[in-house]
Amino acid sequence: MLTYKVVEIGTVTEDVIEEALNEWTAKGWRFDGMQFAMREASRRPSMAFLIFTREAEEA
């Protein structure tokens, strides 16, 4: 069974995304995808959501 982790990023820059990816993959999470939240008045994303998965730990 998979466990999901969603990380919200409020400052969408290359450095911040890279830092979050490195942090969570080092903790054993596998990167699964990324979604951006856009503003109508801007071409730049206002937020990003990183999705990670890993096998659930046995209870």
PDB file of N, CA and C in Angstrom:
ATOM      1  N   MET A   1       0.839  -1.175   0.000  1.00  0.00           N
ATOM      2  CA  MET A   1       0.000   0.000   0.000  1.00  0.00           C
ATOM      3  C   MET A   1       0.890   1.246   0.000  1.00  0.00           C
ATOM      4  N   LEU A   2       0.522   2.233  -0.811  1.00  0.00           N
ATOM      5  CA  LEU A   2       1.293   3.472  -0.904  1.00  0.00           C
ATOM      6  C   LEU A   2       0.791   4.516   0.083  1.00  0.00           C
ATOM      7  N   THR A   3       1.720   5.303   0.579  1.00  0.00           N
ATOM      8  CA  THR A   3       1.412   6.481   1.376  1.00  0.00           C
ATOM      9  C   THR A   3       1.810   7.682   0.536  1.00  0.00           C
ATOM     10  N   TYR A   4       0.967   8.712   0.529  1.00  0.00           N
ATOM     11  CA  TYR A   4       1.233   9.919  -0.250  1.00  0.00           C
ATOM     12  C   TYR A   4       1.632  11.070   0.652  1.00  0.00           C
ATOM     13  N   LYS A   5       2.484  11.957   0.122  1.00  0.00           N
ATOM     14  CA  LYS A   5       2.914  13.171   0.806  1.00  0.00           C
ATOM     15  C   LYS A   5       2.789  14.301  -0.201  1.00  0.00           C
ATOM     16  N   VAL A   6       2.108  15.385   0.190  1.00  0.00           N
ATOM     17  CA  VAL A   6       1.982  16.560  -0.667  1.00  0.00           C
ATOM     18  C   VAL A   6       2.693  17.716   0.027  1.00  0.00           C
ATOM     19  N   VAL A   7       3.608  18.357  -0.691  1.00  0.00           N
ATOM     20  CA  VAL A   7       4.371  19.476  -0.154  1.00  0.00           C
ATOM     21  C   VAL A   7       3.978  20.730  -0.930  1.00  0.00           C
ATOM     22  N   GLU A   8       3.497  21.737  -0.209  1.00  0.00           N
ATOM     23  CA  GLU A   8       3.096  23.005  -0.826  1.00  0.00           C
ATOM     24  C   GLU A   8       4.294  23.954  -0.846  1.00  0.00           C
ATOM     25  N   ILE A   9       4.521  24.557  -2.005  1.00  0.00           N
ATOM     26  CA  ILE A   9       5.607  25.530  -2.155  1.00  0.00           C
ATOM     27  C   ILE A   9       4.987  26.872  -2.533  1.00  0.00           C
ATOM     28  N   GLY A  10       5.205  27.867  -1.677  1.00  0.00           N
ATOM     29  CA  GLY A  10       4.631  29.199  -1.900  1.00  0.00           C
ATOM     30  C   GLY A  10       5.514  30.110  -2.732  1.00  0.00           C
ATOM     31  N   THR A  11       6.812  29.828  -2.773  1.00  0.00           N
ATOM     32  CA  THR A  11       7.750  30.600  -3.591  1.00  0.00           C
ATOM     33  C   THR A  11       8.249  29.670  -4.690  1.00  0.00           C
ATOM     34  N   VAL A  12       7.725  29.852  -5.886  1.00  0.00           N
ATOM     35  CA  VAL A  12       8.011  28.924  -6.982  1.00  0.00           C
ATOM     36  C   VAL A  12       9.230  29.405  -7.759  1.00  0.00           C
ATOM     37  N   THR A  13      10.396  28.928  -7.313  1.00  0.00           N
ATOM     38  CA  THR A  13      11.646  29.190  -8.026  1.00  0.00           C
ATOM     39  C   THR A  13      12.377  27.865  -8.177  1.00  0.00           C
ATOM     40  N   GLU A  14      13.313  27.842  -9.086  1.00  0.00           N
ATOM     41  CA  GLU A  14      14.101  26.638  -9.333  1.00  0.00           C
ATOM     42  C   GLU A  14      14.794  26.162  -8.057  1.00  0.00           C
ATOM     43  N   ASP A  15      15.389  27.085  -7.314  1.00  0.00           N
ATOM     44  CA  ASP A  15      16.127  26.722  -6.105  1.00  0.00           C
ATOM     45  C   ASP A  15      15.220  26.125  -5.032  1.00  0.00           C
ATOM     46  N   VAL A  16      14.057  26.712  -4.819  1.00  0.00           N
ATOM     47  CA  VAL A  16      13.143  26.239  -3.785  1.00  0.00           C
ATOM     48  C   VAL A  16      12.592  24.861  -4.159  1.00  0.00           C
ATOM     49  N   ILE A  17      12.235  24.668  -5.414  1.00  0.00           N
ATOM     50  CA  ILE A  17      11.743  23.356  -5.868  1.00  0.00           C
ATOM     51  C   ILE A  17      12.836  22.301  -5.714  1.00  0.00           C
ATOM     52  N   GLU A  18      14.042  22.633  -6.133  1.00  0.00           N
ATOM     53  CA  GLU A  18      15.164  21.704  -6.025  1.00  0.00           C
ATOM     54  C   GLU A  18      15.442  21.332  -4.567  1.00  0.00           C
ATOM     55  N   GLU A  19      15.397  22.313  -3.687  1.00  0.00           N
ATOM     56  CA  GLU A  19      15.627  22.069  -2.263  1.00  0.00           C
ATOM     57  C   GLU A  19      14.577  21.110  -1.682  1.00  0.00           C
ATOM     58  N   ALA A  20      13.322  21.347  -2.027  1.00  0.00           N
ATOM     59  CA  ALA A  20      12.237  20.478  -1.531  1.00  0.00           C
ATOM     60  C   ALA A  20      12.371  19.059  -2.091  1.00  0.00           C
ATOM     61  N   LEU A  21      12.688  18.930  -3.373  1.00  0.00           N
ATOM     62  CA  LEU A  21      12.872  17.606  -3.969  1.00  0.00           C
ATOM     63  C   LEU A  21      13.999  16.848  -3.284  1.00  0.00           C
ATOM     64  N   ASN A  22      15.124  17.510  -3.068  1.00  0.00           N
ATOM     65  CA  ASN A  22      16.268  16.863  -2.419  1.00  0.00           C
ATOM     66  C   ASN A  22      15.957  16.505  -0.970  1.00  0.00           C
ATOM     67  N   GLU A  23      15.259  17.380  -0.264  1.00  0.00           N
ATOM     68  CA  GLU A  23      14.925  17.129   1.135  1.00  0.00           C
ATOM     69  C   GLU A  23      14.048  15.888   1.288  1.00  0.00           C
ATOM     70  N   TRP A  24      12.969  15.808   0.513  1.00  0.00           N
ATOM     71  CA  TRP A  24      12.008  14.723   0.708  1.00  0.00           C
ATOM     72  C   TRP A  24      12.472  13.400   0.108  1.00  0.00           C
ATOM     73  N   THR A  25      13.233  13.429  -0.975  1.00  0.00           N
ATOM     74  CA  THR A  25      13.763  12.166  -1.501  1.00  0.00           C
ATOM     75  C   THR A  25      14.835  11.609  -0.571  1.00  0.00           C
ATOM     76  N   ALA A  26      15.586  12.479   0.109  1.00  0.00           N
ATOM     77  CA  ALA A  26      16.575  12.027   1.089  1.00  0.00           C
ATOM     78  C   ALA A  26      15.894  11.352   2.287  1.00  0.00           C
ATOM     79  N   LYS A  27      14.636  11.705   2.542  1.00  0.00           N
ATOM     80  CA  LYS A  27      13.877  11.108   3.641  1.00  0.00           C
ATOM     81  C   LYS A  27      13.177   9.813   3.225  1.00  0.00           C
ATOM     82  N   GLY A  28      13.435   9.356   2.003  1.00  0.00           N
ATOM     83  CA  GLY A  28      12.879   8.083   1.558  1.00  0.00           C
ATOM     84  C   GLY A  28      11.621   8.182   0.713  1.00  0.00           C
ATOM     85  N   TRP A  29      11.176   9.385   0.387  1.00  0.00           N
ATOM     86  CA  TRP A  29      10.001   9.568  -0.450  1.00  0.00           C
ATOM     87  C   TRP A  29      10.413   9.551  -1.917  1.00  0.00           C
ATOM     88  N   ARG A  30       9.543   9.030  -2.777  1.00  0.00           N
ATOM     89  CA  ARG A  30       9.789   8.984  -4.225  1.00  0.00           C
ATOM     90  C   ARG A  30       8.936  10.049  -4.903  1.00  0.00           C
ATOM     91  N   PHE A  31       9.579  10.902  -5.699  1.00  0.00           N
ATOM     92  CA  PHE A  31       8.866  11.967  -6.405  1.00  0.00           C
ATOM     93  C   PHE A  31       7.874  11.356  -7.382  1.00  0.00           C
ATOM     94  N   ASP A  32       6.625  11.845  -7.339  1.00  0.00           N
ATOM     95  CA  ASP A  32       5.569  11.290  -8.186  1.00  0.00           C
ATOM     96  C   ASP A  32       5.004  12.311  -9.168  1.00  0.00           C
ATOM     97  N   GLY A  33       5.104  13.602  -8.843  1.00  0.00           N
ATOM     98  CA  GLY A  33       4.576  14.601  -9.773  1.00  0.00           C
ATOM     99  C   GLY A  33       4.556  15.994  -9.163  1.00  0.00           C
ATOM    100  N   MET A  34       4.211  16.966 -10.004  1.00  0.00           N
ATOM    101  CA  MET A  34       4.162  18.358  -9.587  1.00  0.00           C
ATOM    102  C   MET A  34       2.981  19.046 -10.264  1.00  0.00           C
ATOM    103  N   GLN A  35       2.258  19.863  -9.496  1.00  0.00           N
ATOM    104  CA  GLN A  35       1.138  20.639 -10.025  1.00  0.00           C
ATOM    105  C   GLN A  35       1.379  22.104  -9.685  1.00  0.00           C
ATOM    106  N   PHE A  36       1.008  22.982 -10.610  1.00  0.00           N
ATOM    107  CA  PHE A  36       1.166  24.410 -10.389  1.00  0.00           C
ATOM    108  C   PHE A  36      -0.196  25.079 -10.261  1.00  0.00           C
ATOM    109  N   ALA A  37      -0.265  26.087  -9.389  1.00  0.00           N
ATOM    110  CA  ALA A  37      -1.457  26.928  -9.270  1.00  0.00           C
ATOM    111  C   ALA A  37      -1.103  28.262  -9.919  1.00  0.00           C
ATOM    112  N   MET A  38      -1.909  28.657 -10.890  1.00  0.00           N
ATOM    113  CA  MET A  38      -1.623  29.871 -11.661  1.00  0.00           C
ATOM    114  C   MET A  38      -2.566  31.000 -11.265  1.00  0.00           C
ATOM    115  N   ARG A  39      -2.080  32.213 -11.429  1.00  0.00           N
ATOM    116  CA  ARG A  39      -2.922  33.402 -11.294  1.00  0.00           C
ATOM    117  C   ARG A  39      -3.272  33.889 -12.690  1.00  0.00           C
ATOM    118  N   GLU A  40      -4.467  34.424 -12.829  1.00  0.00           N
ATOM    119  CA  GLU A  40      -4.895  34.909 -14.146  1.00  0.00           C
ATOM    120  C   GLU A  40      -4.041  36.067 -14.638  1.00  0.00           C
ATOM    121  N   ALA A  41      -3.610  36.935 -13.724  1.00  0.00           N
ATOM    122  CA  ALA A  41      -2.890  38.145 -14.113  1.00  0.00           C
ATOM    123  C   ALA A  41      -1.397  37.910 -14.336  1.00  0.00           C
ATOM    124  N   SER A  42      -0.918  36.693 -14.105  1.00  0.00           N
ATOM    125  CA  SER A  42       0.517  36.434 -14.207  1.00  0.00           C
ATOM    126  C   SER A  42       0.775  35.156 -14.982  1.00  0.00           C
ATOM    127  N   ARG A  43       1.898  35.128 -15.671  1.00  0.00           N
ATOM    128  CA  ARG A  43       2.295  33.925 -16.393  1.00  0.00           C
ATOM    129  C   ARG A  43       3.090  32.992 -15.485  1.00  0.00           C
ATOM    130  N   ARG A  44       3.478  33.494 -14.333  1.00  0.00           N
ATOM    131  CA  ARG A  44       4.284  32.735 -13.381  1.00  0.00           C
ATOM    132  C   ARG A  44       3.383  32.039 -12.352  1.00  0.00           C
ATOM    133  N   PRO A  45       3.686  30.796 -12.008  1.00  0.00           N
ATOM    134  CA  PRO A  45       2.862  30.102 -11.007  1.00  0.00           C
ATOM    135  C   PRO A  45       2.947  30.790  -9.646  1.00  0.00           C
ATOM    136  N   SER A  46       1.834  30.819  -8.935  1.00  0.00           N
ATOM    137  CA  SER A  46       1.834  31.411  -7.605  1.00  0.00           C
ATOM    138  C   SER A  46       2.167  30.379  -6.537  1.00  0.00           C
ATOM    139  N   MET A  47       1.920  29.107  -6.822  1.00  0.00           N
ATOM    140  CA  MET A  47       2.215  28.018  -5.901  1.00  0.00           C
ATOM    141  C   MET A  47       2.530  26.753  -6.689  1.00  0.00           C
ATOM    142  N   ALA A  48       3.205  25.826  -6.005  1.00  0.00           N
ATOM    143  CA  ALA A  48       3.445  24.509  -6.586  1.00  0.00           C
ATOM    144  C   ALA A  48       3.174  23.462  -5.509  1.00  0.00           C
ATOM    145  N   PHE A  49       2.719  22.319  -5.953  1.00  0.00           N
ATOM    146  CA  PHE A  49       2.470  21.196  -5.056  1.00  0.00           C
ATOM    147  C   PHE A  49       3.280  20.015  -5.563  1.00  0.00           C
ATOM    148  N   LEU A  50       4.196  19.529  -4.725  1.00  0.00           N
ATOM    149  CA  LEU A  50       5.003  18.371  -5.064  1.00  0.00           C
ATOM    150  C   LEU A  50       4.354  17.147  -4.442  1.00  0.00           C
ATOM    151  N   ILE A  51       4.221  16.085  -5.218  1.00  0.00           N
ATOM    152  CA  ILE A  51       3.591  14.864  -4.742  1.00  0.00           C
ATOM    153  C   ILE A  51       4.661  13.776  -4.657  1.00  0.00           C
ATOM    154  N   PHE A  52       4.713  13.119  -3.492  1.00  0.00           N
ATOM    155  CA  PHE A  52       5.661  12.045  -3.239  1.00  0.00           C
ATOM    156  C   PHE A  52       4.900  10.812  -2.769  1.00  0.00           C
ATOM    157  N   THR A  53       5.508   9.645  -2.963  1.00  0.00           N
ATOM    158  CA  THR A  53       4.925   8.398  -2.469  1.00  0.00           C
ATOM    159  C   THR A  53       6.029   7.555  -1.830  1.00  0.00           C
ATOM    160  N   ARG A  54       5.583   6.614  -0.995  1.00  0.00           N
ATOM    161  CA  ARG A  54       6.464   5.578  -0.472  1.00  0.00           C
ATOM    162  C   ARG A  54       5.593   4.449   0.051  1.00  0.00           C
ATOM    163  N   GLU A  55       6.199   3.307   0.197  1.00  0.00           N
ATOM    164  CA  GLU A  55       5.473   2.154   0.728  1.00  0.00           C
ATOM    165  C   GLU A  55       5.103   2.422   2.175  1.00  0.00           C
ATOM    166  N   ALA A  56       3.877   2.099   2.548  1.00  0.00           N
ATOM    167  CA  ALA A  56       3.424   2.299   3.913  1.00  0.00           C
ATOM    168  C   ALA A  56       4.186   1.372   4.849  1.00  0.00           C
ATOM    169  N   GLU A  57       4.499   1.885   6.023  1.00  0.00           N
ATOM    170  CA  GLU A  57       5.176   1.074   7.027  1.00  0.00           C
ATOM    171  C   GLU A  57       4.202   0.105   7.659  1.00  0.00           C
ATOM    172  N   GLU A  58       4.682  -1.077   7.957  1.00  0.00           N
ATOM    173  CA  GLU A  58       3.842  -2.089   8.608  1.00  0.00           C
ATOM    174  C   GLU A  58       3.531  -1.663  10.039  1.00  0.00           C
ATOM    175  N   ALA A  59       2.289  -1.868  10.456  1.00  0.00           N
ATOM    176  CA  ALA A  59       1.904  -1.469  11.817  1.00  0.00           C
ATOM    177  C   ALA A  59       2.338  -2.485  12.846  1.00  0.00           C
TER     178      ALA A  59
END
